C-alpha atoms as a PDB file:
ATOM      1  CA  UNK A   1    -104.901  -6.237  77.078  1.00  0.00           C
ATOM      2  CA  UNK A   2    -107.333  -5.436  74.279  1.00  0.00           C
ATOM      3  CA  UNK A   3    -106.140  -3.896  71.009  1.00  0.00           C
ATOM      4  CA  UNK A   4    -107.847  -2.607  67.869  1.00  0.00           C
ATOM      5  CA  UNK A   5    -107.065  -0.515  64.798  1.00  0.00           C
ATOM      6  CA  UNK A   6    -104.648  -0.892  61.899  1.00  0.00           C
ATOM      7  CA  UNK A   7    -102.913  -4.261  62.325  1.00  0.00           C
ATOM      8  CA  UNK A   8     -99.722  -2.895  60.797  1.00  0.00           C
ATOM      9  CA  UNK A   9     -99.460  -0.291  63.539  1.00  0.00           C
ATOM     10  CA  UNK A  10    -100.227  -2.418  66.596  1.00  0.00           C
ATOM     11  CA  UNK A  11    -103.974  -2.808  66.283  1.00  0.00           C
ATOM     12  CA  UNK A  12    -103.632  -6.592  66.158  1.00  0.00           C
ATOM     13  CA  UNK A  13    -101.838  -8.249  69.097  1.00  0.00           C
ATOM     14  CA  UNK A  14    -103.061 -11.832  68.544  1.00  0.00           C
ATOM     15  CA  UNK A  15     -99.493 -13.084  68.142  1.00  0.00           C
ATOM     16  CA  UNK A  16     -98.877 -12.086  71.776  1.00  0.00           C
ATOM     17  CA  UNK A  17    -102.393 -12.820  73.029  1.00  0.00           C
ATOM     18  CA  UNK A  18    -101.441 -15.309  75.758  1.00  0.00           C
ATOM     19  CA  UNK A  19     -98.648 -13.130  77.156  1.00  0.00           C
ATOM     20  CA  UNK A  20    -100.979 -10.129  77.267  1.00  0.00           C
ATOM     21  CA  UNK A  21    -103.885 -11.949  78.908  1.00  0.00           C
ATOM     22  CA  UNK A  22    -102.938 -10.686  82.367  1.00  0.00           C
ATOM     23  CA  UNK A  23    -100.163  -9.076  84.385  1.00  0.00           C
ATOM     24  CA  UNK A  24     -99.715  -6.021  82.155  1.00  0.00           C
ATOM     25  CA  UNK A  25     -98.613  -3.048  84.249  1.00  0.00           C
ATOM     26  CA  UNK A  26     -98.124  -0.289  81.671  1.00  0.00           C
ATOM     27  CA  UNK A  27     -98.160   0.270  77.896  1.00  0.00           C
ATOM     28  CA  UNK A  28     -95.761   2.423  75.865  1.00  0.00           C
ATOM     29  CA  UNK A  29     -95.869   3.358  72.184  1.00  0.00           C
ATOM     30  CA  UNK A  30     -93.913   4.602  69.197  1.00  0.00           C
ATOM     31  CA  UNK A  31     -95.676   5.890  66.079  1.00  0.00           C
ATOM     32  CA  UNK A  32     -96.248   2.335  64.832  1.00  0.00           C
ATOM     33  CA  UNK A  33     -95.692  -0.175  67.664  1.00  0.00           C
ATOM     34  CA  UNK A  34     -96.416  -0.950  71.295  1.00  0.00           C
ATOM     35  CA  UNK A  35     -94.423  -2.293  74.237  1.00  0.00           C
ATOM     36  CA  UNK A  36     -96.164  -3.724  77.298  1.00  0.00           C
ATOM     37  CA  UNK A  37     -94.346  -3.839  80.625  1.00  0.00           C
ATOM     38  CA  UNK A  38     -95.550  -6.728  82.750  1.00  0.00           C
ATOM     39  CA  UNK A  39     -95.585  -6.950  86.539  1.00  0.00           C
ATOM     40  CA  UNK A  40     -92.715  -9.458  86.452  1.00  0.00           C
ATOM     41  CA  UNK A  41     -90.493  -6.937  84.647  1.00  0.00           C
ATOM     42  CA  UNK A  42     -90.719  -8.608  81.241  1.00  0.00           C
ATOM     43  CA  UNK A  43     -91.531  -6.713  78.035  1.00  0.00           C
ATOM     44  CA  UNK A  44     -93.847  -7.782  75.209  1.00  0.00           C
ATOM     45  CA  UNK A  45     -93.816  -5.938  71.865  1.00  0.00           C
ATOM     46  CA  UNK A  46     -95.984  -5.917  68.755  1.00  0.00           C
ATOM     47  CA  UNK A  47     -96.764  -3.726  65.772  1.00  0.00           C
ATOM     48  CA  UNK A  48     -94.540  -2.598  62.924  1.00  0.00           C
ATOM     49  CA  UNK A  49     -91.176  -4.362  63.200  1.00  0.00           C
ATOM     50  CA  UNK A  50     -89.163  -1.351  62.058  1.00  0.00           C
ATOM     51  CA  UNK A  51     -90.927   0.838  64.614  1.00  0.00           C
ATOM     52  CA  UNK A  52     -90.105  -1.227  67.694  1.00  0.00           C
ATOM     53  CA  UNK A  53     -92.632  -4.013  67.342  1.00  0.00           C
ATOM     54  CA  UNK A  54     -89.881  -6.618  66.977  1.00  0.00           C
ATOM     55  CA  UNK A  55     -87.664  -6.974  70.072  1.00  0.00           C
ATOM     56  CA  UNK A  56     -86.395 -10.475  69.318  1.00  0.00           C
ATOM     57  CA  UNK A  57     -82.757  -9.328  69.135  1.00  0.00           C
ATOM     58  CA  UNK A  58     -82.861  -8.166  72.772  1.00  0.00           C
ATOM     59  CA  UNK A  59     -85.531 -10.503  74.117  1.00  0.00           C
ATOM     60  CA  UNK A  60     -83.198 -12.203  76.597  1.00  0.00           C
ATOM     61  CA  UNK A  61     -82.557  -8.823  78.233  1.00  0.00           C
ATOM     62  CA  UNK A  62     -86.265  -8.058  78.348  1.00  0.00           C
ATOM     63  CA  UNK A  63     -87.400 -11.217  80.135  1.00  0.00           C
ATOM     64  CA  UNK A  64     -87.174  -9.554  83.561  1.00  0.00           C
ATOM     65  CA  UNK A  65     -85.988  -6.562  85.601  1.00  0.00           C
ATOM     66  CA  UNK A  66     -87.343  -3.807  83.335  1.00  0.00           C
ATOM     67  CA  UNK A  67     -88.431  -0.779  85.357  1.00  0.00           C
ATOM     68  CA  UNK A  68     -89.598   1.651  82.691  1.00  0.00           C
ATOM     69  CA  UNK A  69     -89.695   2.093  78.930  1.00  0.00           C
ATOM     70  CA  UNK A  70     -89.100   5.267  76.916  1.00  0.00           C
ATOM     71  CA  UNK A  71     -89.793   5.848  73.231  1.00  0.00           C
ATOM     72  CA  UNK A  72     -88.881   7.972  70.244  1.00  0.00           C
ATOM     73  CA  UNK A  73     -90.956   8.000  67.055  1.00  0.00           C
ATOM     74  CA  UNK A  74     -89.746   4.550  65.949  1.00  0.00           C
ATOM     75  CA  UNK A  75     -87.641   3.043  68.765  1.00  0.00           C
ATOM     76  CA  UNK A  76     -87.759   2.007  72.406  1.00  0.00           C
ATOM     77  CA  UNK A  77     -85.281   2.232  75.283  1.00  0.00           C
ATOM     78  CA  UNK A  78     -85.820   0.120  78.405  1.00  0.00           C
ATOM     79  CA  UNK A  79     -84.338   1.138  81.750  1.00  0.00           C
ATOM     80  CA  UNK A  80     -83.587  -1.937  83.858  1.00  0.00           C
ATOM     81  CA  UNK A  81     -83.408  -2.331  87.630  1.00  0.00           C
ATOM     82  CA  UNK A  82     -79.597  -2.499  87.479  1.00  0.00           C
ATOM     83  CA  UNK A  83     -79.647   0.989  85.871  1.00  0.00           C
ATOM     84  CA  UNK A  84     -78.608  -0.346  82.439  1.00  0.00           C
ATOM     85  CA  UNK A  85     -80.366   0.419  79.137  1.00  0.00           C
ATOM     86  CA  UNK A  86     -81.616  -1.854  76.345  1.00  0.00           C
ATOM     87  CA  UNK A  87     -82.689  -0.412  72.975  1.00  0.00           C
ATOM     88  CA  UNK A  88     -84.473  -1.724  69.896  1.00  0.00           C
ATOM     89  CA  UNK A  89     -86.380  -0.444  66.875  1.00  0.00           C
ATOM     90  CA  UNK A  90     -85.305   1.758  63.978  1.00  0.00           C
ATOM     91  CA  UNK A  91     -81.564   2.539  64.263  1.00  0.00           C
ATOM     92  CA  UNK A  92     -82.042   6.018  62.799  1.00  0.00           C
ATOM     93  CA  UNK A  93     -84.470   6.837  65.601  1.00  0.00           C
ATOM     94  CA  UNK A  94     -82.342   5.518  68.481  1.00  0.00           C
ATOM     95  CA  UNK A  95     -82.987   1.790  68.257  1.00  0.00           C
ATOM     96  CA  UNK A  96     -79.256   1.116  67.932  1.00  0.00           C
ATOM     97  CA  UNK A  97     -77.115   2.283  70.867  1.00  0.00           C
ATOM     98  CA  UNK A  98     -74.035   0.110  70.293  1.00  0.00           C
ATOM     99  CA  UNK A  99     -71.709   3.111  69.912  1.00  0.00           C
ATOM    100  CA  UNK A 100     -72.433   4.151  73.511  1.00  0.00           C
ATOM    101  CA  UNK A 101     -73.314   0.736  74.958  1.00  0.00           C
ATOM    102  CA  UNK A 102     -70.438   0.787  77.441  1.00  0.00           C
ATOM    103  CA  UNK A 103     -71.793   4.016  78.919  1.00  0.00           C
ATOM    104  CA  UNK A 104     -75.270   2.573  79.284  1.00  0.00           C
ATOM    105  CA  UNK A 105     -74.356  -0.467  81.364  1.00  0.00           C
ATOM    106  CA  UNK A 106     -74.727   1.196  84.776  1.00  0.00           C
ATOM    107  CA  UNK A 107     -75.945   4.267  86.674  1.00  0.00           C
ATOM    108  CA  UNK A 108     -78.575   5.508  84.220  1.00  0.00           C
ATOM    109  CA  UNK A 109     -81.164   7.493  86.150  1.00  0.00           C
ATOM    110  CA  UNK A 110     -83.614   8.621  83.485  1.00  0.00           C
ATOM    111  CA  UNK A 111     -83.992   8.729  79.690  1.00  0.00           C
ATOM    112  CA  UNK A 112     -85.308  11.625  77.629  1.00  0.00           C
ATOM    113  CA  UNK A 113     -86.219  11.485  73.957  1.00  0.00           C
ATOM    114  CA  UNK A 114     -86.875  13.509  70.857  1.00  0.00           C
ATOM    115  CA  UNK A 115     -88.657  11.855  67.906  1.00  0.00           C
ATOM    116  CA  UNK A 116     -85.330  10.552  66.562  1.00  0.00           C
ATOM    117  CA  UNK A 117     -82.872  10.453  69.480  1.00  0.00           C
ATOM    118  CA  UNK A 118     -82.389   9.627  73.142  1.00  0.00           C
ATOM    119  CA  UNK A 119     -80.484  11.308  75.971  1.00  0.00           C
ATOM    120  CA  UNK A 120     -79.744   9.341  79.139  1.00  0.00           C
ATOM    121  CA  UNK A 121     -79.119  11.233  82.375  1.00  0.00           C
ATOM    122  CA  UNK A 122     -76.751   9.322  84.637  1.00  0.00           C
ATOM    123  CA  UNK A 123     -76.515   9.452  88.426  1.00  0.00           C
ATOM    124  CA  UNK A 124     -73.273  11.418  88.307  1.00  0.00           C
ATOM    125  CA  UNK A 125     -74.953  14.186  86.293  1.00  0.00           C
ATOM    126  CA  UNK A 126     -73.426  13.211  82.953  1.00  0.00           C
ATOM    127  CA  UNK A 127     -75.416  12.697  79.737  1.00  0.00           C
ATOM    128  CA  UNK A 128     -75.158   9.986  77.055  1.00  0.00           C
ATOM    129  CA  UNK A 129     -76.826  10.483  73.668  1.00  0.00           C
ATOM    130  CA  UNK A 130     -77.579   8.299  70.644  1.00  0.00           C
ATOM    131  CA  UNK A 131     -79.842   8.238  67.590  1.00  0.00           C
ATOM    132  CA  UNK A 132     -80.041  10.667  64.679  1.00  0.00           C
ATOM    133  CA  UNK A 133     -77.143  13.125  64.741  1.00  0.00           C
ATOM    134  CA  UNK A 134     -79.364  15.860  63.334  1.00  0.00           C
ATOM    135  CA  UNK A 135     -81.958  15.374  66.053  1.00  0.00           C
ATOM    136  CA  UNK A 136     -79.789  15.421  69.176  1.00  0.00           C
ATOM    137  CA  UNK A 137     -78.232  11.970  68.960  1.00  0.00           C
ATOM    138  CA  UNK A 138     -74.753  13.492  68.687  1.00  0.00           C
ATOM    139  CA  UNK A 139     -73.723  15.767  71.568  1.00  0.00           C
ATOM    140  CA  UNK A 140     -69.982  15.958  70.928  1.00  0.00           C
ATOM    141  CA  UNK A 141     -70.188  19.739  70.422  1.00  0.00           C
ATOM    142  CA  UNK A 142     -71.135  20.167  74.100  1.00  0.00           C
ATOM    143  CA  UNK A 143     -69.462  17.067  75.497  1.00  0.00           C
ATOM    144  CA  UNK A 144     -67.559  18.986  78.169  1.00  0.00           C
ATOM    145  CA  UNK A 145     -70.759  20.654  79.382  1.00  0.00           C
ATOM    146  CA  UNK A 146     -72.491  17.274  79.667  1.00  0.00           C
ATOM    147  CA  UNK A 147     -69.713  15.505  81.564  1.00  0.00           C
ATOM    148  CA  UNK A 148     -71.167  16.419  84.968  1.00  0.00           C
ATOM    149  CA  UNK A 149     -73.657  18.562  86.829  1.00  0.00           C
ATOM    150  CA  UNK A 150     -76.713  18.111  84.590  1.00  0.00           C
ATOM    151  CA  UNK A 151     -79.941  18.384  86.573  1.00  0.00           C
ATOM    152  CA  UNK A 152     -82.664  18.092  83.913  1.00  0.00           C
ATOM    153  CA  UNK A 153     -83.012  17.565  80.159  1.00  0.00           C
ATOM    154  CA  UNK A 154     -85.637  19.079  77.870  1.00  0.00           C
ATOM    155  CA  UNK A 155     -86.369  18.523  74.193  1.00  0.00           C
ATOM    156  CA  UNK A 156     -87.956  19.925  71.059  1.00  0.00           C
ATOM    157  CA  UNK A 157     -88.606  17.863  67.935  1.00  0.00           C
ATOM    158  CA  UNK A 158     -84.924  17.713  66.973  1.00  0.00           C
ATOM    159  CA  UNK A 159     -82.850  19.164  69.806  1.00  0.00           C
ATOM    160  CA  UNK A 160     -82.105  18.905  73.513  1.00  0.00           C
ATOM    161  CA  UNK A 161     -81.347  21.407  76.266  1.00  0.00           C
ATOM    162  CA  UNK A 162     -79.639  20.388  79.502  1.00  0.00           C
ATOM    163  CA  UNK A 163     -80.155  22.462  82.648  1.00  0.00           C
ATOM    164  CA  UNK A 164     -77.183  22.180  84.959  1.00  0.00           C
ATOM    165  CA  UNK A 165     -77.274  22.376  88.749  1.00  0.00           C
ATOM    166  CA  UNK A 166     -75.347  25.670  88.619  1.00  0.00           C
ATOM    167  CA  UNK A 167     -78.141  27.255  86.547  1.00  0.00           C
ATOM    168  CA  UNK A 168     -76.479  27.170  83.115  1.00  0.00           C
ATOM    169  CA  UNK A 169     -77.891  25.593  79.940  1.00  0.00           C
ATOM    170  CA  UNK A 170     -76.203  23.518  77.218  1.00  0.00           C
ATOM    171  CA  UNK A 171     -77.933  22.807  73.879  1.00  0.00           C
ATOM    172  CA  UNK A 172     -77.333  20.456  70.984  1.00  0.00           C
ATOM    173  CA  UNK A 173     -79.129  19.059  67.949  1.00  0.00           C
ATOM    174  CA  UNK A 174     -80.708  20.758  64.957  1.00  0.00           C
ATOM    175  CA  UNK A 175     -80.027  24.533  65.117  1.00  0.00           C
ATOM    176  CA  UNK A 176     -83.437  25.293  63.601  1.00  0.00           C
ATOM    177  CA  UNK A 177     -85.097  23.387  66.443  1.00  0.00           C
ATOM    178  CA  UNK A 178     -83.229  25.033  69.303  1.00  0.00           C
ATOM    179  CA  UNK A 179     -79.985  23.096  69.132  1.00  0.00           C
ATOM    180  CA  UNK A 180     -77.971  26.294  68.763  1.00  0.00           C
ATOM    181  CA  UNK A 181     -78.218  28.883  71.554  1.00  0.00           C
ATOM    182  CA  UNK A 182     -75.076  30.812  70.618  1.00  0.00           C
ATOM    183  CA  UNK A 183     -76.969  34.096  70.109  1.00  0.00           C
ATOM    184  CA  UNK A 184     -78.142  34.045  73.751  1.00  0.00           C
ATOM    185  CA  UNK A 185     -75.294  32.028  75.234  1.00  0.00           C
ATOM    186  CA  UNK A 186     -74.208  34.827  77.589  1.00  0.00           C
ATOM    187  CA  UNK A 187     -77.696  34.861  79.110  1.00  0.00           C
ATOM    188  CA  UNK A 188     -77.663  31.109  79.770  1.00  0.00           C
ATOM    189  CA  UNK A 189     -74.445  30.829  81.763  1.00  0.00           C
ATOM    190  CA  UNK A 190     -76.162  31.161  85.151  1.00  0.00           C
ATOM    191  CA  UNK A 191     -79.438  31.762  86.933  1.00  0.00           C
ATOM    192  CA  UNK A 192     -81.719  29.558  84.815  1.00  0.00           C
ATOM    193  CA  UNK A 193     -84.507  28.023  86.892  1.00  0.00           C
ATOM    194  CA  UNK A 194     -86.431  26.035  84.278  1.00  0.00           C
ATOM    195  CA  UNK A 195     -86.618  25.427  80.530  1.00  0.00           C
ATOM    196  CA  UNK A 196     -89.791  25.125  78.449  1.00  0.00           C
ATOM    197  CA  UNK A 197     -90.174  24.078  74.820  1.00  0.00           C
ATOM    198  CA  UNK A 198     -92.393  24.169  71.781  1.00  0.00           C
ATOM    199  CA  UNK A 199     -91.917  21.939  68.740  1.00  0.00           C
ATOM    200  CA  UNK A 200     -88.820  23.823  67.586  1.00  0.00           C
ATOM    201  CA  UNK A 201     -87.930  26.447  70.207  1.00  0.00           C
ATOM    202  CA  UNK A 202     -86.878  26.811  73.846  1.00  0.00           C
ATOM    203  CA  UNK A 203     -87.589  29.398  76.530  1.00  0.00           C
ATOM    204  CA  UNK A 204     -85.525  29.628  79.706  1.00  0.00           C
ATOM    205  CA  UNK A 205     -87.032  31.160  82.853  1.00  0.00           C
ATOM    206  CA  UNK A 206     -84.378  32.711  85.062  1.00  0.00           C
ATOM    207  CA  UNK A 207     -84.442  33.144  88.818  1.00  0.00           C
ATOM    208  CA  UNK A 208     -84.934  36.901  88.449  1.00  0.00           C
ATOM    209  CA  UNK A 209     -88.049  36.351  86.316  1.00  0.00           C
ATOM    210  CA  UNK A 210     -86.417  37.172  82.991  1.00  0.00           C
ATOM    211  CA  UNK A 211     -87.126  34.979  79.940  1.00  0.00           C
ATOM    212  CA  UNK A 212     -84.573  33.982  77.290  1.00  0.00           C
ATOM    213  CA  UNK A 213     -85.696  32.338  74.026  1.00  0.00           C
ATOM    214  CA  UNK A 214     -83.967  30.670  71.070  1.00  0.00           C
ATOM    215  CA  UNK A 215     -84.750  28.351  68.178  1.00  0.00           C
ATOM    216  CA  UNK A 216     -87.323  28.704  65.406  1.00  0.00           C
ATOM    217  CA  UNK A 217     -88.568  32.314  65.412  1.00  0.00           C
ATOM    218  CA  UNK A 218     -92.046  31.366  64.213  1.00  0.00           C
ATOM    219  CA  UNK A 219     -92.568  28.910  67.077  1.00  0.00           C
ATOM    220  CA  UNK A 220     -91.435  30.985  70.020  1.00  0.00           C
ATOM    221  CA  UNK A 221     -87.698  31.287  69.491  1.00  0.00           C
ATOM    222  CA  UNK A 222     -87.843  35.068  69.113  1.00  0.00           C
ATOM    223  CA  UNK A 223     -89.587  37.220  71.699  1.00  0.00           C
ATOM    224  CA  UNK A 224     -88.543  40.736  70.591  1.00  0.00           C
ATOM    225  CA  UNK A 225     -92.175  41.845  70.234  1.00  0.00           C
ATOM    226  CA  UNK A 226     -92.833  41.215  73.941  1.00  0.00           C
ATOM    227  CA  UNK A 227     -89.311  41.742  75.232  1.00  0.00           C
ATOM    228  CA  UNK A 228     -90.332  44.515  77.629  1.00  0.00           C
ATOM    229  CA  UNK A 229     -93.152  42.455  79.138  1.00  0.00           C
ATOM    230  CA  UNK A 230     -90.796  39.502  79.654  1.00  0.00           C
ATOM    231  CA  UNK A 231     -88.316  41.691  81.510  1.00  0.00           C
ATOM    232  CA  UNK A 232     -90.723  42.410  84.342  1.00  0.00           C
ATOM    233  CA  UNK A 233     -90.503  39.207  86.364  1.00  0.00           C
ATOM    234  CA  UNK A 234     -92.353  36.317  84.723  1.00  0.00           C
ATOM    235  CA  UNK A 235     -93.857  33.570  86.861  1.00  0.00           C
ATOM    236  CA  UNK A 236     -94.957  30.343  85.131  1.00  0.00           C
ATOM    237  CA  UNK A 237     -97.830  28.610  86.899  1.00  0.00           C
ATOM    238  CA  UNK A 238     -97.638  25.208  85.243  1.00  0.00           C
ATOM    239  CA  UNK A 239     -95.084  23.049  83.487  1.00  0.00           C
ATOM    240  CA  UNK A 240     -94.967  21.925  79.857  1.00  0.00           C
ATOM    241  CA  UNK A 241     -96.130  18.508  81.024  1.00  0.00           C
ATOM    242  CA  UNK A 242     -99.270  20.148  82.416  1.00  0.00           C
ATOM    243  CA  UNK A 243     -99.771  22.029  79.158  1.00  0.00           C
ATOM    244  CA  UNK A 244     -99.515  18.760  77.226  1.00  0.00           C
ATOM    245  CA  UNK A 245    -102.027  17.157  79.581  1.00  0.00           C
ATOM    246  CA  UNK A 246    -104.500  19.977  78.953  1.00  0.00           C
ATOM    247  CA  UNK A 247    -103.893  19.798  75.207  1.00  0.00           C
ATOM    248  CA  UNK A 248    -104.584  16.065  75.119  1.00  0.00           C
ATOM    249  CA  UNK A 249    -107.753  16.498  77.173  1.00  0.00           C
ATOM    250  CA  UNK A 250    -109.203  18.986  74.704  1.00  0.00           C
ATOM    251  CA  UNK A 251    -107.592  17.510  71.574  1.00  0.00           C
ATOM    252  CA  UNK A 252    -105.501  20.630  70.983  1.00  0.00           C
END
């Protein structure tokens, strides 16, 4: 491991130099800290303490058996081999999961994040959320929809959308970022194949090729101007992950 840059944001890892000398498998980051996953399943952190650089409170749980790490803007969540979750970092950004800790002890399959919240998809298709209430950390408004059958989760900057196995979509979080889909709710009850997102809006591609959008109008949440074109059987050729990969390659 070699680090450089602003020492307050993880550019200086001398305090962990010996532990990072070898065996590092993967590196994860928040806006101001890093977490290194070692081959033995242990986790080493450094950088701004409030941003996840200080994991002392959960260090015993991070000594082994970590499979993967996920991050928000200022917090980390580690998925362990026993399918439990360990969190640390800024509480407002998901570093504190004590309110849902009992639900994160077993059967967590994957973790999704927005900049200030996390959403854990469990093996039974249920979803557990924590972090900032205004950014998707509170999903009580759609709790019944998230109790079972969730297939995938997608996010904007402050909201989540869950695609269920039956083809319906449930949303929560900041309404201005796509957390409120009430205006198109009737169009999201069935037949949704995939969901895509911008910073503050969602677009659902249905099995018949139709597209449904909601969220911030200026960032893709309103498609009235091209409504006719989107009613003619749209086919998306790459995923948002591929778009992000292209954007990073060309610094877009």
